[in-house]
Amino acid sequence: MPGGPLFLARAVYRRRRLRDAARLLPVVGLFLMLLPALGRDSAGDVGDGIYLFVLWALLIVAAAVLAPGLSAQDSEGGSDPLVDPPALPPASDLQGQR
């Protein structure tokens, strides 16, 4: 068994789940917007318009709720080694190796 921790730190786990939720929000929103078109044979009515408007407003609220958590992780300066790629060396170091 490797010497590293068995579980991720709570902060890293929450950042990953928040990032996953932010990535999934547009996909879920598109699916929910297509539901009225899939469920009926009619061209649409006022109820569909109200549904789409309310859904649109809820997606905006959900994005607004997720946004502070996403911007807070950038200001902390911490990086997730499994998600964030390592920084490249400066170009001057690469030229000296040739």
Protein backbone atom coordinates (compact mmCIF):
# COMPACT_ATOMS: atom_id res chain seq x y z
CA MET A 1 0.00 0.00 0.00
CA PRO A 2 1.45 3.41 -0.95
CA GLY A 3 2.45 5.83 1.80
CA GLY A 4 0.08 8.60 0.61
CA PRO A 5 -3.25 9.40 2.18
CA LEU A 6 -6.12 7.09 1.39
CA PHE A 7 -8.63 9.90 0.95
CA LEU A 8 -8.39 13.36 -0.54
CA ALA A 9 -8.37 16.39 1.70
CA ARG A 10 -11.82 17.86 2.24
CA ALA A 11 -10.99 21.15 0.47
CA VAL A 12 -9.63 19.39 -2.62
CA TYR A 13 -12.64 17.08 -2.74
CA ARG A 14 -15.08 20.00 -2.52
CA ARG A 15 -13.24 21.97 -5.21
CA ARG A 16 -13.41 19.00 -7.56
CA ARG A 17 -17.13 18.44 -6.95
CA LEU A 18 -17.80 22.16 -7.46
CA ARG A 19 -15.84 22.11 -10.71
CA ASP A 20 -17.76 19.00 -11.82
CA ALA A 21 -21.08 20.69 -11.03
CA ALA A 22 -20.07 23.76 -13.03
CA ARG A 23 -19.16 21.59 -16.01
CA LEU A 24 -22.39 19.62 -15.81
CA LEU A 25 -24.73 22.63 -15.45
CA PRO A 26 -24.92 23.51 -19.20
CA VAL A 27 -25.54 19.88 -20.15
CA VAL A 28 -28.36 19.51 -17.63
CA GLY A 29 -29.79 22.87 -18.72
CA LEU A 30 -29.82 21.87 -22.37
CA PHE A 31 -31.51 18.57 -21.56
CA LEU A 32 -34.17 20.31 -19.47
CA MET A 33 -34.77 22.87 -22.23
CA LEU A 34 -35.32 20.10 -24.76
CA LEU A 35 -37.88 18.29 -22.61
CA PRO A 36 -40.91 20.33 -23.79
CA ALA A 37 -40.03 19.59 -27.41
CA LEU A 38 -39.69 15.87 -26.74
CA GLY A 39 -42.88 15.44 -24.75
CA ARG A 40 -45.58 16.82 -27.01
CA ASP A 41 -46.79 16.78 -30.57
CA SER A 42 -48.17 20.33 -30.40
CA ALA A 43 -46.19 23.38 -31.46
CA GLY A 44 -46.03 24.70 -27.87
CA ASP A 45 -48.15 26.82 -25.61
CA VAL A 46 -47.88 29.41 -22.87
CA GLY A 47 -46.95 26.77 -20.30
CA ASP A 48 -43.86 25.81 -22.30
CA GLY A 49 -42.82 29.45 -22.49
CA ILE A 50 -43.20 29.89 -18.74
CA TYR A 51 -41.29 26.64 -18.13
CA LEU A 52 -38.40 27.80 -20.32
CA PHE A 53 -38.27 31.23 -18.69
CA VAL A 54 -38.28 29.79 -15.16
CA LEU A 55 -35.66 27.20 -16.13
CA TRP A 56 -33.50 29.93 -17.67
CA ALA A 57 -33.75 31.98 -14.46
CA LEU A 58 -32.91 28.94 -12.30
CA LEU A 59 -29.84 28.17 -14.43
CA ILE A 60 -28.65 31.75 -13.94
CA VAL A 61 -29.16 31.45 -10.17
CA ALA A 62 -27.33 28.10 -10.10
CA ALA A 63 -24.39 29.58 -12.02
CA ALA A 64 -24.33 32.55 -9.64
CA VAL A 65 -24.25 30.19 -6.67
CA LEU A 66 -21.38 28.15 -8.14
CA ALA A 67 -19.29 31.12 -9.34
CA PRO A 68 -17.94 32.38 -5.99
CA GLY A 69 -16.64 28.94 -5.08
CA LEU A 70 -14.88 28.61 -8.41
CA SER A 71 -13.24 32.03 -8.20
CA ALA A 72 -12.26 31.49 -4.54
CA GLN A 73 -10.12 28.49 -5.43
CA ASP A 74 -8.11 30.60 -7.88
CA SER A 75 -7.39 33.26 -5.27
CA GLU A 76 -6.22 30.73 -2.67
CA GLY A 77 -3.20 29.88 -4.75
CA GLY A 78 -3.47 26.19 -4.02
CA SER A 79 -3.28 23.80 -6.91
CA ASP A 80 -4.70 20.36 -7.27
CA PRO A 81 -1.82 18.16 -8.49
CA LEU A 82 -4.13 15.63 -10.09
CA VAL A 83 -6.05 18.25 -12.12
CA ASP A 84 -3.71 21.20 -12.63
CA PRO A 85 -0.88 20.52 -15.08
CA PRO A 86 2.67 21.20 -13.92
CA ALA A 87 4.17 24.51 -14.98
CA LEU A 88 6.53 24.48 -17.94
CA PRO A 89 10.12 25.65 -17.41
CA PRO A 90 11.06 29.05 -18.86
CA ALA A 91 12.13 29.12 -22.49
CA SER A 92 15.66 30.16 -21.50
CA ASP A 93 16.10 26.87 -19.60
CA LEU A 94 14.95 24.89 -22.60
CA GLN A 95 17.42 26.61 -24.95
CA GLY A 96 20.33 25.90 -22.62
CA GLN A 97 19.67 22.13 -22.75
CA ARG A 98 20.30 21.85 -26.49
